[in-house]
Amino acid sequence: MLTPTSRESTKMAYTHYIFFAANPRSGDQKAAEFLNKARNFSCRFEEYGKNAYGHVFNVLDPADSDRSYKLIQKTVISFCDQASIVVALMGGDGGIMRLI
């Protein structure tokens, strides 16, 4: 899996970084289901020439949140002039979880 800080990330330049802060206790608990599956993912939209990196973290877990906040900070510092960076909060009605 390529991450924003890995040496391999130069092989695939990401055009979008999306960080999902998931609250596993809110809404219909779809965030909890997702946290038990994929935590990092990448996808390529070839027809648009876009590559996206996604990272999901548990906002209620202090260690996971701290690592993820540092990753977000490092990504912003390193790539803010080269890519779109989005941070989304998941929890409540489960709408975001249905999208991903």
C-alpha atoms as a PDB file:
ATOM      1  CA  MET A   1       0.000   0.000   0.000  1.00  0.00           C
ATOM      2  CA  LEU A   2       1.382   3.384  -0.924  1.00  0.00           C
ATOM      3  CA  THR A   3       1.201   6.032   1.733  1.00  0.00           C
ATOM      4  CA  PRO A   4       1.922   9.737   1.368  1.00  0.00           C
ATOM      5  CA  THR A   5       5.277   9.293   3.079  1.00  0.00           C
ATOM      6  CA  SER A   6       6.515   6.069   1.515  1.00  0.00           C
ATOM      7  CA  ARG A   7       9.446   5.997  -0.890  1.00  0.00           C
ATOM      8  CA  GLU A   8       7.203   4.275  -3.419  1.00  0.00           C
ATOM      9  CA  SER A   9       4.809   7.233  -3.560  1.00  0.00           C
ATOM     10  CA  THR A  10       6.985   8.753  -6.265  1.00  0.00           C
ATOM     11  CA  LYS A  11       5.827   5.971  -8.599  1.00  0.00           C
ATOM     12  CA  MET A  12       2.232   7.226  -8.449  1.00  0.00           C
ATOM     13  CA  ALA A  13       1.709  10.916  -7.869  1.00  0.00           C
ATOM     14  CA  TYR A  14      -1.493  11.431  -5.925  1.00  0.00           C
ATOM     15  CA  THR A  15      -3.745  14.268  -7.014  1.00  0.00           C
ATOM     16  CA  HIS A  16      -6.017  13.935  -3.974  1.00  0.00           C
ATOM     17  CA  TYR A  17      -5.471  12.967  -0.325  1.00  0.00           C
ATOM     18  CA  ILE A  18      -8.607  12.198   1.661  1.00  0.00           C
ATOM     19  CA  PHE A  19      -8.524  11.646   5.415  1.00  0.00           C
ATOM     20  CA  PHE A  20     -11.634  10.268   7.114  1.00  0.00           C
ATOM     21  CA  ALA A  21     -11.984  10.786  10.866  1.00  0.00           C
ATOM     22  CA  ALA A  22     -14.397   8.027  11.852  1.00  0.00           C
ATOM     23  CA  ASN A  23     -16.475   7.967  15.034  1.00  0.00           C
ATOM     24  CA  PRO A  24     -17.326   4.275  15.439  1.00  0.00           C
ATOM     25  CA  ARG A  25     -19.979   4.926  18.103  1.00  0.00           C
ATOM     26  CA  SER A  26     -22.197   7.392  16.311  1.00  0.00           C
ATOM     27  CA  GLY A  27     -25.032   6.927  13.874  1.00  0.00           C
ATOM     28  CA  ASP A  28     -25.607   3.419  12.628  1.00  0.00           C
ATOM     29  CA  GLN A  29     -22.011   2.325  13.440  1.00  0.00           C
ATOM     30  CA  LYS A  30     -21.009   1.889   9.780  1.00  0.00           C
ATOM     31  CA  ALA A  31     -17.738   3.665  10.600  1.00  0.00           C
ATOM     32  CA  ALA A  32     -16.929   0.886  13.097  1.00  0.00           C
ATOM     33  CA  GLU A  33     -17.458  -1.710  10.366  1.00  0.00           C
ATOM     34  CA  PHE A  34     -15.156   0.187   8.009  1.00  0.00           C
ATOM     35  CA  LEU A  35     -12.452   0.596  10.669  1.00  0.00           C
ATOM     36  CA  ASN A  36     -12.293  -3.208  10.900  1.00  0.00           C
ATOM     37  CA  LYS A  37     -11.566  -3.474   7.163  1.00  0.00           C
ATOM     38  CA  ALA A  38      -9.440  -1.177   5.014  1.00  0.00           C
ATOM     39  CA  ARG A  39      -7.696   1.690   6.785  1.00  0.00           C
ATOM     40  CA  ASN A  40      -5.592   2.922   3.862  1.00  0.00           C
ATOM     41  CA  PHE A  41      -6.493   2.738   0.229  1.00  0.00           C
ATOM     42  CA  SER A  42      -5.631   4.222  -3.115  1.00  0.00           C
ATOM     43  CA  CYS A  43      -7.573   4.386  -6.322  1.00  0.00           C
ATOM     44  CA  ARG A  44      -6.881   5.544  -9.842  1.00  0.00           C
ATOM     45  CA  PHE A  45      -9.373   7.309 -12.077  1.00  0.00           C
ATOM     46  CA  GLU A  46      -7.618   6.726 -15.380  1.00  0.00           C
ATOM     47  CA  GLU A  47     -10.104   8.507 -17.610  1.00  0.00           C
ATOM     48  CA  TYR A  48      -9.599  11.666 -15.532  1.00  0.00           C
ATOM     49  CA  GLY A  49      -5.882  11.212 -14.882  1.00  0.00           C
ATOM     50  CA  LYS A  50      -6.403  11.303 -11.097  1.00  0.00           C
ATOM     51  CA  ASN A  51      -4.973   9.221  -8.270  1.00  0.00           C
ATOM     52  CA  ALA A  52      -6.406   9.363  -4.764  1.00  0.00           C
ATOM     53  CA  TYR A  53      -5.011   8.214  -1.439  1.00  0.00           C
ATOM     54  CA  GLY A  54      -7.435   7.593   1.406  1.00  0.00           C
ATOM     55  CA  HIS A  55      -6.796   7.094   5.096  1.00  0.00           C
ATOM     56  CA  VAL A  56      -9.425   6.256   7.725  1.00  0.00           C
ATOM     57  CA  PHE A  57      -8.749   6.694  11.429  1.00  0.00           C
ATOM     58  CA  ASN A  58     -10.657   6.249  14.660  1.00  0.00           C
ATOM     59  CA  VAL A  59     -11.258   9.679  16.163  1.00  0.00           C
ATOM     60  CA  LEU A  60     -11.994   8.071  19.574  1.00  0.00           C
ATOM     61  CA  ASP A  61      -8.636   6.243  19.758  1.00  0.00           C
ATOM     62  CA  PRO A  62      -6.014   8.723  21.040  1.00  0.00           C
ATOM     63  CA  ALA A  63      -3.032   6.825  19.596  1.00  0.00           C
ATOM     64  CA  ASP A  64      -4.666   6.332  16.185  1.00  0.00           C
ATOM     65  CA  SER A  65      -5.789   9.966  16.104  1.00  0.00           C
ATOM     66  CA  ASP A  66      -2.333  11.252  17.055  1.00  0.00           C
ATOM     67  CA  ARG A  67      -0.618   9.185  14.344  1.00  0.00           C
ATOM     68  CA  SER A  68      -3.207  10.296  11.804  1.00  0.00           C
ATOM     69  CA  TYR A  69      -3.008  13.986  12.741  1.00  0.00           C
ATOM     70  CA  LYS A  70       0.761  13.809  12.267  1.00  0.00           C
ATOM     71  CA  LEU A  71       0.239  12.124   8.883  1.00  0.00           C
ATOM     72  CA  ILE A  72      -2.232  14.851   7.867  1.00  0.00           C
ATOM     73  CA  GLN A  73       0.195  17.567   8.973  1.00  0.00           C
ATOM     74  CA  LYS A  74       3.082  15.953   7.089  1.00  0.00           C
ATOM     75  CA  THR A  75       0.920  15.539   3.985  1.00  0.00           C
ATOM     76  CA  VAL A  76      -0.194  19.182   4.074  1.00  0.00           C
ATOM     77  CA  ILE A  77       3.392  20.391   4.469  1.00  0.00           C
ATOM     78  CA  SER A  78       4.703  18.110   1.711  1.00  0.00           C
ATOM     79  CA  PHE A  79       1.925  18.156  -0.874  1.00  0.00           C
ATOM     80  CA  CYS A  80      -0.369  21.166  -0.361  1.00  0.00           C
ATOM     81  CA  ASP A  81       0.906  22.877  -3.508  1.00  0.00           C
ATOM     82  CA  GLN A  82       0.627  19.692  -5.615  1.00  0.00           C
ATOM     83  CA  ALA A  83      -2.638  18.023  -4.609  1.00  0.00           C
ATOM     84  CA  SER A  84      -6.072  18.529  -3.088  1.00  0.00           C
ATOM     85  CA  ILE A  85      -6.257  17.559   0.579  1.00  0.00           C
ATOM     86  CA  VAL A  86      -9.601  16.838   2.234  1.00  0.00           C
ATOM     87  CA  VAL A  87     -10.412  15.915   5.836  1.00  0.00           C
ATOM     88  CA  ALA A  88     -13.911  14.506   6.422  1.00  0.00           C
ATOM     89  CA  LEU A  89     -15.583  13.574   9.699  1.00  0.00           C
ATOM     90  CA  MET A  90     -17.694  10.402   9.586  1.00  0.00           C
ATOM     91  CA  GLY A  91     -20.427   9.830  12.095  1.00  0.00           C
ATOM     92  CA  GLY A  92     -24.071  10.549  12.525  1.00  0.00           C
ATOM     93  CA  ASP A  93     -26.336   9.347   9.771  1.00  0.00           C
ATOM     94  CA  GLY A  94     -23.829   7.058   8.006  1.00  0.00           C
ATOM     95  CA  GLY A  95     -24.000   9.018   4.749  1.00  0.00           C
ATOM     96  CA  ILE A  96     -20.261   9.259   4.128  1.00  0.00           C
ATOM     97  CA  MET A  97     -19.756   5.569   4.886  1.00  0.00           C
ATOM     98  CA  ARG A  98     -22.313   4.630   2.249  1.00  0.00           C
ATOM     99  CA  LEU A  99     -20.336   6.631  -0.300  1.00  0.00           C
ATOM    100  CA  ILE A 100     -17.019   4.909   0.316  1.00  0.00           C
END
